[in-house]
Amino acid sequence: MSTTSTTSPHSHVEQHMRGSEVLTDIVIGMSDGLTVPFALAAGLSGAVGKDHLNLIWIAGLAEIAAGSIAMGLGGYLAGRTEVDHYHSELRREYDEVERVPDREREEVQEFFSNLGLSKEVQSKAVEEMTRDKDKWVDFMMKYELGLDKPDPERARKSAFNIGLSYVVGGLVPLSPYFFVSDGLTGLKVSAAITLCCLFIFGYFKSKLTGVHPLAGAVRVMVIGALAAGCAFAVAKLIQA
């Protein structure tokens, strides 16, 4: 019974962490995917005429491809940096345990002291913790540096999640242009669909992050509308 109760909380925490990482990736990719291609398509709608609607498709698809790769690469590099940083600190902790074990023991004892344990219990806890070098180092990594061991596959997963979310988000504002005969009509349909999606996306994003859902939804929608409006206005000004 005790084994089940011990492993169950750890299993729950791990699932929660993985879920949080995936949600973070989706939020990063989707938010940019909905906004950037929407602004690009809006700008091109103000610049090209009725006979050049295919330019919006080509430019939009090219942007989605380039943006998903760039965003995915950014996620990959961030994941690799996290893994590299962890292993760098891990090597340093092993080195310190070898070179200055007394100082490292004092740090362990200070941690238990801050928990309010008695001197006797502190000494026993330090002796038990420092008996196994690997366990000792893991303890220092987690409680001294606040670093949990990262998923070695995190970088690739993050790149895939962000890149795919960007593509899905980017196709939302671009898709209406495949079914209309001119850019301005496409922009109207795209704006209606995209702003609704931004509102829904902002609502659930805010709910997950603890922000007021309606306020967060309106903020995300307004940002997307401003980006598209500015792009359209600039294109019209240049064209004029």
Protein backbone atom coordinates (compact mmCIF):
# COMPACT_ATOMS: atom_id res chain seq x y z
CA MET A 1 0.00 0.00 0.00
CA SER A 2 2.79 2.40 0.91
CA THR A 3 4.49 1.92 -2.47
CA THR A 4 1.30 2.81 -4.34
CA SER A 5 0.72 5.98 -2.31
CA THR A 6 4.34 7.02 -2.83
CA THR A 7 4.43 6.60 -6.60
CA SER A 8 0.96 7.97 -7.29
CA PRO A 9 1.68 11.62 -6.29
CA HIS A 10 4.91 11.62 -8.35
CA SER A 11 3.02 10.25 -11.34
CA HIS A 12 0.40 12.96 -11.00
CA VAL A 13 2.99 15.75 -10.81
CA GLU A 14 4.80 14.46 -13.89
CA GLN A 15 1.58 14.41 -15.91
CA HIS A 16 0.77 17.92 -14.77
CA MET A 17 4.20 19.21 -15.80
CA ARG A 18 4.01 17.63 -19.24
CA GLY A 19 0.55 19.05 -19.74
CA SER A 20 1.74 22.51 -18.77
CA GLU A 21 4.64 22.34 -21.22
CA VAL A 22 2.39 21.28 -24.10
CA LEU A 23 -0.12 24.03 -23.30
CA THR A 24 2.69 26.60 -23.19
CA ASP A 25 3.92 25.48 -26.61
CA ILE A 26 0.41 25.64 -28.07
CA VAL A 27 -0.17 29.13 -26.68
CA ILE A 28 3.13 30.39 -28.11
CA GLY A 29 2.56 28.91 -31.56
CA MET A 30 -1.15 29.59 -31.85
CA SER A 31 -1.03 33.21 -30.69
CA ASP A 32 1.56 34.17 -33.31
CA GLY A 33 0.00 31.91 -35.93
CA LEU A 34 -3.35 33.65 -35.66
CA THR A 35 -1.92 37.18 -35.54
CA VAL A 36 1.01 37.40 -37.99
CA PRO A 37 -0.55 35.77 -41.10
CA PHE A 38 -3.77 37.71 -40.37
CA ALA A 39 -1.85 41.00 -40.42
CA LEU A 40 0.07 39.98 -43.54
CA ALA A 41 -3.08 38.98 -45.42
CA ALA A 42 -4.78 42.22 -44.35
CA GLY A 43 -1.86 44.28 -45.62
CA LEU A 44 -1.77 42.46 -48.93
CA SER A 45 -5.55 42.85 -49.28
CA GLY A 46 -5.06 46.58 -49.23
CA ALA A 47 -2.20 46.47 -51.71
CA VAL A 48 -3.19 43.99 -54.42
CA GLY A 49 -6.10 44.23 -56.76
CA LYS A 50 -8.85 41.80 -57.60
CA ASP A 51 -6.77 40.09 -60.29
CA HIS A 52 -3.86 39.35 -57.96
CA LEU A 53 -5.62 37.37 -55.26
CA ASN A 54 -3.18 34.50 -55.78
CA LEU A 55 -0.43 36.72 -54.34
CA ILE A 56 -2.18 36.64 -50.98
CA TRP A 57 -2.32 32.85 -51.06
CA ILE A 58 1.33 32.48 -52.06
CA ALA A 59 2.64 35.06 -49.62
CA GLY A 60 0.43 33.77 -46.82
CA LEU A 61 1.48 30.15 -47.27
CA ALA A 62 5.14 31.17 -47.55
CA GLU A 63 4.85 33.16 -44.32
CA ILE A 64 3.17 30.27 -42.52
CA ALA A 65 5.94 27.91 -43.66
CA ALA A 66 8.72 30.30 -42.69
CA GLY A 67 7.04 31.33 -39.44
CA SER A 68 6.41 27.77 -38.29
CA ILE A 69 10.04 26.84 -38.97
CA ALA A 70 11.34 29.93 -37.17
CA MET A 71 9.02 29.46 -34.19
CA GLY A 72 9.78 25.73 -34.02
CA LEU A 73 13.50 26.42 -34.14
CA GLY A 74 13.11 28.94 -31.33
CA GLY A 75 11.31 26.32 -29.23
CA TYR A 76 14.00 23.76 -30.01
CA LEU A 77 16.84 26.09 -29.00
CA ALA A 78 15.03 27.04 -25.79
CA GLY A 79 14.60 23.35 -24.93
CA ARG A 80 18.23 22.56 -25.70
CA THR A 81 19.39 25.51 -23.60
CA GLU A 82 17.38 24.20 -20.64
CA VAL A 83 18.92 20.72 -20.98
CA ASP A 84 22.46 22.07 -21.46
CA HIS A 85 22.11 24.39 -18.46
CA TYR A 86 20.91 21.52 -16.25
CA HIS A 87 23.82 19.26 -17.21
CA SER A 88 26.31 22.11 -16.74
CA GLU A 89 25.03 22.71 -13.20
CA LEU A 90 24.97 18.94 -12.56
CA ARG A 91 28.68 18.65 -13.42
CA ARG A 92 29.44 21.61 -11.16
CA GLU A 93 27.56 20.05 -8.23
CA TYR A 94 29.41 16.73 -8.61
CA ASP A 95 32.68 18.67 -8.68
CA GLU A 96 31.80 20.61 -5.52
CA VAL A 97 30.73 17.47 -3.69
CA GLU A 98 34.15 16.00 -4.52
CA ARG A 99 36.24 19.12 -3.72
CA VAL A 100 34.39 20.80 -0.84
CA PRO A 101 32.14 18.15 0.76
CA ASP A 102 32.08 19.93 4.14
CA ARG A 103 30.67 23.11 2.64
CA GLU A 104 28.08 21.14 0.70
CA ARG A 105 27.05 19.32 3.90
CA GLU A 106 26.61 22.70 5.60
CA GLU A 107 24.27 23.76 2.79
CA VAL A 108 22.22 20.59 3.23
CA GLN A 109 22.04 21.17 6.99
CA GLU A 110 21.00 24.79 6.40
CA PHE A 111 18.10 23.58 4.28
CA PHE A 112 16.86 21.23 7.02
CA SER A 113 17.41 23.95 9.60
CA ASN A 114 15.12 26.28 7.66
CA LEU A 115 12.43 23.60 7.91
CA GLY A 116 12.51 23.99 11.70
CA LEU A 117 14.01 20.57 12.46
CA SER A 118 15.94 20.01 15.67
CA LYS A 119 19.75 19.79 15.61
CA GLU A 120 19.63 16.05 16.22
CA VAL A 121 17.21 15.43 13.39
CA GLN A 122 19.21 17.75 11.12
CA SER A 123 22.38 15.77 11.72
CA LYS A 124 20.66 12.46 11.01
CA ALA A 125 19.03 13.85 7.86
CA VAL A 126 22.35 15.25 6.57
CA GLU A 127 24.12 11.96 7.28
CA GLU A 128 21.43 10.00 5.43
CA MET A 129 21.27 12.41 2.49
CA THR A 130 25.03 12.63 1.93
CA ARG A 131 25.63 8.90 2.17
CA ASP A 132 24.81 8.40 -1.52
CA LYS A 133 26.58 10.83 -3.85
CA ASP A 134 23.96 10.67 -6.62
CA LYS A 135 21.11 11.25 -4.20
CA TRP A 136 23.12 14.06 -2.59
CA VAL A 137 23.70 15.83 -5.90
CA ASP A 138 20.06 15.40 -6.97
CA PHE A 139 19.00 16.98 -3.69
CA MET A 140 21.30 19.97 -4.22
CA MET A 141 20.09 20.43 -7.78
CA LYS A 142 16.46 20.48 -6.74
CA TYR A 143 16.53 22.37 -3.46
CA GLU A 144 19.62 24.57 -3.74
CA LEU A 145 19.35 25.51 -7.41
CA GLY A 146 15.65 24.85 -7.97
CA LEU A 147 16.33 22.73 -11.07
CA ASP A 148 14.32 19.65 -12.01
CA LYS A 149 15.75 17.16 -14.47
CA PRO A 150 14.40 18.16 -17.91
CA ASP A 151 12.94 15.79 -20.43
CA PRO A 152 15.76 14.99 -22.91
CA GLU A 153 13.17 14.96 -25.70
CA ARG A 154 11.75 18.32 -24.64
CA ALA A 155 13.50 20.32 -27.39
CA ARG A 156 12.11 18.22 -30.24
CA LYS A 157 8.65 18.02 -28.72
CA SER A 158 8.58 21.78 -28.20
CA ALA A 159 9.68 22.45 -31.77
CA PHE A 160 6.96 20.18 -33.14
CA ASN A 161 4.21 21.54 -30.87
CA ILE A 162 5.00 25.19 -31.55
CA GLY A 163 5.51 24.71 -35.29
CA LEU A 164 2.28 22.73 -35.74
CA SER A 165 0.30 25.21 -33.62
CA TYR A 166 1.61 28.05 -35.76
CA VAL A 167 0.52 26.30 -38.96
CA VAL A 168 -2.97 25.58 -37.58
CA GLY A 169 -3.33 29.14 -36.34
CA GLY A 170 -2.01 30.62 -39.59
CA LEU A 171 -4.42 28.71 -41.80
CA VAL A 172 -7.41 30.23 -39.99
CA PRO A 173 -7.03 33.81 -41.34
CA LEU A 174 -5.70 32.65 -44.71
CA SER A 175 -8.33 30.02 -45.57
CA PRO A 176 -11.17 32.46 -46.56
CA TYR A 177 -9.03 33.84 -49.39
CA PHE A 178 -9.26 30.50 -51.19
CA PHE A 179 -13.04 30.85 -51.55
CA VAL A 180 -13.55 34.49 -52.57
CA SER A 181 -13.02 36.47 -55.75
CA ASP A 182 -11.30 39.58 -54.36
CA GLY A 183 -9.02 40.57 -51.50
CA LEU A 184 -11.39 42.92 -49.68
CA THR A 185 -14.13 40.29 -49.46
CA GLY A 186 -11.54 37.81 -48.24
CA LEU A 187 -10.39 40.31 -45.63
CA LYS A 188 -13.92 40.81 -44.30
CA VAL A 189 -14.53 37.07 -43.96
CA SER A 190 -11.03 36.49 -42.58
CA ALA A 191 -11.44 39.28 -40.02
CA ALA A 192 -14.77 37.89 -38.79
CA ILE A 193 -13.43 34.35 -38.42
CA THR A 194 -10.02 35.30 -37.03
CA LEU A 195 -11.31 37.80 -34.47
CA CYS A 196 -13.78 35.20 -33.19
CA CYS A 197 -10.95 32.66 -32.92
CA LEU A 198 -8.72 35.19 -31.17
CA PHE A 199 -11.49 35.93 -28.69
CA ILE A 200 -12.04 32.22 -27.94
CA PHE A 201 -8.29 31.57 -27.80
CA GLY A 202 -7.75 34.55 -25.49
CA TYR A 203 -10.60 33.45 -23.25
CA PHE A 204 -9.25 29.95 -22.62
CA LYS A 205 -5.65 31.17 -22.44
CA SER A 206 -6.60 33.70 -19.76
CA LYS A 207 -8.65 31.11 -17.87
CA LEU A 208 -5.67 28.76 -17.76
CA THR A 209 -3.24 31.47 -16.63
CA GLY A 210 -5.52 32.94 -13.96
CA VAL A 211 -6.29 36.21 -15.76
CA HIS A 212 -9.88 37.46 -16.00
CA PRO A 213 -11.18 35.47 -19.03
CA LEU A 214 -13.27 38.19 -20.69
CA ALA A 215 -10.63 40.89 -20.23
CA GLY A 216 -7.93 38.58 -21.59
CA ALA A 217 -10.10 37.54 -24.54
CA VAL A 218 -10.83 41.16 -25.49
CA ARG A 219 -7.15 42.09 -25.14
CA VAL A 220 -5.98 39.30 -27.45
CA MET A 221 -8.70 40.12 -30.00
CA VAL A 222 -7.88 43.85 -29.95
CA ILE A 223 -4.16 43.19 -30.45
CA GLY A 224 -4.92 41.05 -33.50
CA ALA A 225 -7.32 43.66 -34.89
CA LEU A 226 -4.81 46.47 -34.39
CA ALA A 227 -2.03 44.50 -36.09
CA ALA A 228 -4.22 43.74 -39.12
CA GLY A 229 -5.62 47.28 -39.23
CA CYS A 230 -2.17 48.86 -39.16
CA ALA A 231 -0.90 46.53 -41.89
CA PHE A 232 -3.92 47.34 -44.08
CA ALA A 233 -3.56 51.11 -43.50
CA VAL A 234 0.17 51.09 -44.29
CA ALA A 235 -0.44 49.15 -47.51
CA LYS A 236 -3.12 51.65 -48.56
CA LEU A 237 -0.88 54.60 -47.77
CA ILE A 238 2.01 53.17 -49.79
CA GLN A 239 -0.31 52.32 -52.66
CA ALA A 240 -1.66 55.86 -52.67
